[in-house]
Amino acid sequence: MLLEKLRQVTKRIFDQPVLYDARKILLGGWPFEPTLSLLDSTGSDVILDVGCGTGHFSEKIQFRQYYGFDNDAKALQVATRRKVPNAVFQMGDIRHFNFQGLKPTQAILSGVLHHLSDDEAVRLLNDLAPIVSRWIVTEDPIYAQYHVLNNLLCRLDRGEHVRTEEEMLALIAKTNLTVEKKSVFYSNTRISKHIAFRLVP
């Protein structure tokens, strides 16, 4: 009961996009590099950022065109204010959005899958698989054995489907995608553990 109340309070606080981004910095720095390394984008890429939030990746990667989608209007306001050239942001529920009109070379799902049930996650990944010509990169927090603080943060996360590494691999095995590369890493202070995949059709 107490944990659920804490989770509700945490959700209300970090529903504010700026505070949500600040939390990641305070928890030891946002671990961008492993995800950026898997993405490995160039100036000719068309990037689809699903669940883009405040659009932080639009300032950290190369691309010819960038499309950011999210269902949080406040986060998209922050993203739009970045005024990144050739970056377009659009609001929509990623679980039901029709991406068929786009022709991305790569897709990013950073901090997305742990907000989705297995069925929703598999459906989203399978919807993206036919339209992405190179690969899909995902990144999410995961539980860690004997890491009490990390696991508490996972329990308090706004996402209700934080998984273990084994559960993430089992999830991807249900899709039409294959793991080409995997990276398991901690924040700079080792407070939070994450896993990232490069997935190919």
Protein backbone atom coordinates (compact mmCIF):
# COMPACT_ATOMS: atom_id res chain seq x y z
CA MET A 1 0.00 0.00 0.00
CA LEU A 2 2.77 2.45 0.96
CA LEU A 3 4.72 1.59 -2.19
CA GLU A 4 1.68 2.25 -4.35
CA LYS A 5 1.12 5.64 -2.71
CA LEU A 6 4.77 6.54 -3.31
CA ARG A 7 4.39 5.45 -6.91
CA GLN A 8 1.35 7.69 -7.39
CA VAL A 9 3.17 10.68 -5.87
CA THR A 10 6.20 10.02 -8.05
CA LYS A 11 4.02 9.81 -11.15
CA ARG A 12 2.34 13.15 -10.38
CA ILE A 13 5.69 14.84 -9.87
CA PHE A 14 7.42 13.43 -12.94
CA ASP A 15 4.46 13.96 -15.22
CA GLN A 16 6.10 17.38 -15.58
CA PRO A 17 8.55 16.90 -18.51
CA VAL A 18 11.27 19.21 -17.20
CA LEU A 19 11.24 17.47 -13.79
CA TYR A 20 11.30 14.06 -15.47
CA ASP A 21 14.42 14.99 -17.43
CA ALA A 22 16.00 16.50 -14.32
CA ARG A 23 15.39 13.28 -12.38
CA LYS A 24 17.49 11.32 -14.85
CA ILE A 25 20.35 13.78 -14.42
CA LEU A 26 20.11 13.66 -10.63
CA LEU A 27 20.17 9.85 -10.67
CA GLY A 28 23.65 9.79 -12.10
CA GLY A 29 23.43 11.18 -15.57
CA TRP A 30 21.33 10.06 -18.49
CA PRO A 31 23.20 7.16 -20.15
CA PHE A 32 22.92 8.34 -23.76
CA GLU A 33 26.10 6.88 -25.20
CA PRO A 34 25.21 3.15 -25.35
CA THR A 35 21.95 3.97 -27.13
CA LEU A 36 23.61 6.45 -29.50
CA SER A 37 26.29 3.87 -30.31
CA LEU A 38 23.65 1.30 -31.27
CA LEU A 39 21.76 3.87 -33.33
CA ASP A 40 24.91 4.93 -35.24
CA SER A 41 22.98 7.44 -37.37
CA THR A 42 24.34 9.52 -40.24
CA GLY A 43 23.27 12.68 -42.01
CA SER A 44 21.33 10.65 -44.57
CA ASP A 45 19.08 8.85 -42.06
CA VAL A 46 15.37 9.43 -41.57
CA ILE A 47 14.74 8.93 -37.84
CA LEU A 48 11.47 7.93 -36.23
CA ASP A 49 11.57 8.62 -32.49
CA VAL A 50 8.59 6.80 -30.94
CA GLY A 51 7.81 8.18 -27.48
CA CYS A 52 10.21 11.06 -28.06
CA GLY A 53 9.28 12.94 -24.88
CA THR A 54 11.03 16.29 -24.80
CA GLY A 55 12.96 15.48 -27.99
CA HIS A 56 16.41 15.21 -26.43
CA PHE A 57 17.65 12.77 -29.10
CA SER A 58 16.93 15.29 -31.85
CA GLU A 59 19.86 17.36 -30.57
CA LYS A 60 22.27 14.44 -30.17
CA ILE A 61 22.12 12.55 -33.47
CA GLN A 62 22.69 13.14 -37.18
CA PHE A 63 19.78 12.86 -39.59
CA ARG A 64 18.26 14.13 -42.81
CA GLN A 65 14.76 14.13 -41.31
CA TYR A 66 13.52 13.43 -37.78
CA TYR A 67 9.96 12.58 -36.74
CA GLY A 68 9.14 12.59 -33.03
CA PHE A 69 5.88 11.13 -31.70
CA ASP A 70 4.54 11.23 -28.17
CA ASN A 71 1.21 11.37 -26.33
CA ASP A 72 2.36 14.04 -23.85
CA ALA A 73 1.45 17.54 -25.03
CA LYS A 74 3.64 19.25 -22.42
CA ALA A 75 6.69 17.22 -23.43
CA LEU A 76 6.11 18.03 -27.10
CA GLN A 77 5.96 21.74 -26.27
CA VAL A 78 9.46 21.44 -24.80
CA ALA A 79 10.60 19.43 -27.84
CA THR A 80 9.25 22.02 -30.29
CA ARG A 81 11.01 24.84 -28.46
CA ARG A 82 14.35 23.18 -29.25
CA LYS A 83 13.85 24.39 -32.85
CA VAL A 84 16.02 21.62 -34.31
CA PRO A 85 16.20 21.92 -38.15
CA ASN A 86 14.32 19.20 -40.05
CA ALA A 87 12.72 17.88 -36.86
CA VAL A 88 8.94 17.46 -36.76
CA PHE A 89 6.98 16.58 -33.62
CA GLN A 90 3.48 15.16 -33.55
CA MET A 91 1.11 14.08 -30.80
CA GLY A 92 -0.55 10.67 -30.84
CA ASP A 93 -1.00 7.42 -28.93
CA ILE A 94 1.90 5.27 -30.13
CA ARG A 95 -0.08 2.10 -29.37
CA HIS A 96 -2.56 2.97 -32.11
CA PHE A 97 -0.66 5.32 -34.43
CA ASN A 98 -0.43 4.48 -38.13
CA PHE A 99 3.22 4.83 -39.17
CA GLN A 100 2.70 3.38 -42.65
CA GLY A 101 3.07 6.70 -44.45
CA LEU A 102 6.60 7.17 -43.14
CA LYS A 103 9.76 5.62 -44.57
CA PRO A 104 12.30 5.80 -41.73
CA THR A 105 15.72 4.23 -41.95
CA GLN A 106 15.89 3.90 -38.15
CA ALA A 107 13.54 4.03 -35.19
CA ILE A 108 14.22 4.85 -31.55
CA LEU A 109 12.12 3.59 -28.65
CA SER A 110 13.88 5.02 -25.60
CA GLY A 111 12.05 4.39 -22.34
CA VAL A 112 8.98 3.11 -24.17
CA LEU A 113 8.61 -0.65 -23.86
CA HIS A 114 8.37 -0.67 -20.07
CA HIS A 115 5.18 1.38 -20.40
CA LEU A 116 3.58 -1.31 -22.57
CA SER A 117 2.23 -4.77 -21.85
CA ASP A 118 3.80 -7.67 -23.74
CA ASP A 119 0.96 -7.70 -26.27
CA GLU A 120 1.16 -3.93 -26.83
CA ALA A 121 4.97 -4.00 -27.13
CA VAL A 122 4.96 -6.91 -29.60
CA ARG A 123 2.28 -5.20 -31.70
CA LEU A 124 4.21 -1.92 -31.81
CA LEU A 125 7.52 -3.57 -32.74
CA ASN A 126 5.85 -5.68 -35.42
CA ASP A 127 4.14 -2.57 -36.82
CA LEU A 128 7.52 -0.84 -37.10
CA ALA A 129 9.48 -3.81 -38.48
CA PRO A 130 8.20 -3.59 -42.10
CA ILE A 131 8.70 0.16 -42.47
CA VAL A 132 12.19 0.62 -40.94
CA SER A 133 14.90 -0.10 -43.50
CA ARG A 134 17.92 -0.39 -41.16
CA TRP A 135 17.14 -1.10 -37.51
CA ILE A 136 15.16 -0.28 -34.39
CA VAL A 137 16.95 0.72 -31.19
CA THR A 138 15.22 0.28 -27.84
CA GLU A 139 16.33 1.26 -24.33
CA ASP A 140 14.60 0.62 -21.01
CA PRO A 141 15.32 0.27 -17.29
CA ILE A 142 15.53 -3.29 -16.00
CA TYR A 143 15.56 -5.05 -12.65
CA ALA A 144 18.94 -6.14 -11.30
CA GLN A 145 19.56 -8.98 -8.90
CA TYR A 146 20.58 -7.77 -5.41
CA HIS A 147 20.46 -4.09 -6.47
CA VAL A 148 17.93 -2.80 -3.96
CA LEU A 149 17.95 0.88 -4.97
CA ASN A 150 17.69 0.17 -8.70
CA ASN A 151 14.83 -2.25 -8.09
CA LEU A 152 13.00 0.26 -5.89
CA LEU A 153 13.28 2.86 -8.66
CA CYS A 154 11.89 0.29 -11.10
CA ARG A 155 8.94 -0.32 -8.78
CA LEU A 156 8.31 3.44 -8.54
CA ASP A 157 8.70 4.04 -12.28
CA ARG A 158 5.74 5.49 -14.18
CA GLY A 159 5.95 2.48 -16.47
CA GLU A 160 4.04 -0.50 -15.11
CA HIS A 161 5.93 -3.13 -17.10
CA VAL A 162 9.59 -2.89 -16.09
CA ARG A 163 11.17 -6.27 -16.86
CA THR A 164 14.31 -8.25 -16.19
CA GLU A 165 16.92 -8.78 -18.91
CA GLU A 166 15.59 -12.30 -19.46
CA GLU A 167 12.03 -11.03 -19.76
CA MET A 168 13.11 -8.41 -22.30
CA LEU A 169 14.80 -11.07 -24.42
CA ALA A 170 11.69 -13.27 -24.18
CA LEU A 171 9.56 -10.32 -25.26
CA ILE A 172 11.65 -9.64 -28.36
CA ALA A 173 11.62 -13.34 -29.22
CA LYS A 174 7.84 -12.98 -29.74
CA THR A 175 8.33 -10.33 -32.45
CA ASN A 176 9.38 -10.42 -36.10
CA LEU A 177 12.72 -8.86 -35.14
CA THR A 178 16.15 -10.25 -34.27
CA VAL A 179 18.64 -8.90 -31.73
CA GLU A 180 21.72 -7.78 -33.66
CA LYS A 181 23.42 -6.06 -30.71
CA LYS A 182 22.69 -5.71 -27.01
CA SER A 183 24.09 -3.37 -24.35
CA VAL A 184 23.49 -3.66 -20.61
CA PHE A 185 24.71 -0.65 -18.66
CA TYR A 186 24.32 1.46 -15.53
CA SER A 187 24.03 5.19 -15.01
CA ASN A 188 27.30 6.91 -14.13
CA THR A 189 26.65 6.46 -10.41
CA ARG A 190 25.42 2.86 -10.91
CA ILE A 191 22.08 3.79 -9.35
CA SER A 192 19.98 2.59 -12.29
CA LYS A 193 20.42 -0.31 -14.71
CA HIS A 194 19.34 -0.25 -18.35
CA ILE A 195 19.27 -2.47 -21.41
CA ALA A 196 19.41 -1.41 -25.04
CA PHE A 197 18.94 -3.45 -28.21
CA ARG A 198 19.57 -2.99 -31.89
CA LEU A 199 16.82 -4.96 -33.58
CA VAL A 200 16.73 -5.90 -37.26
CA PRO A 201 13.92 -7.41 -39.35
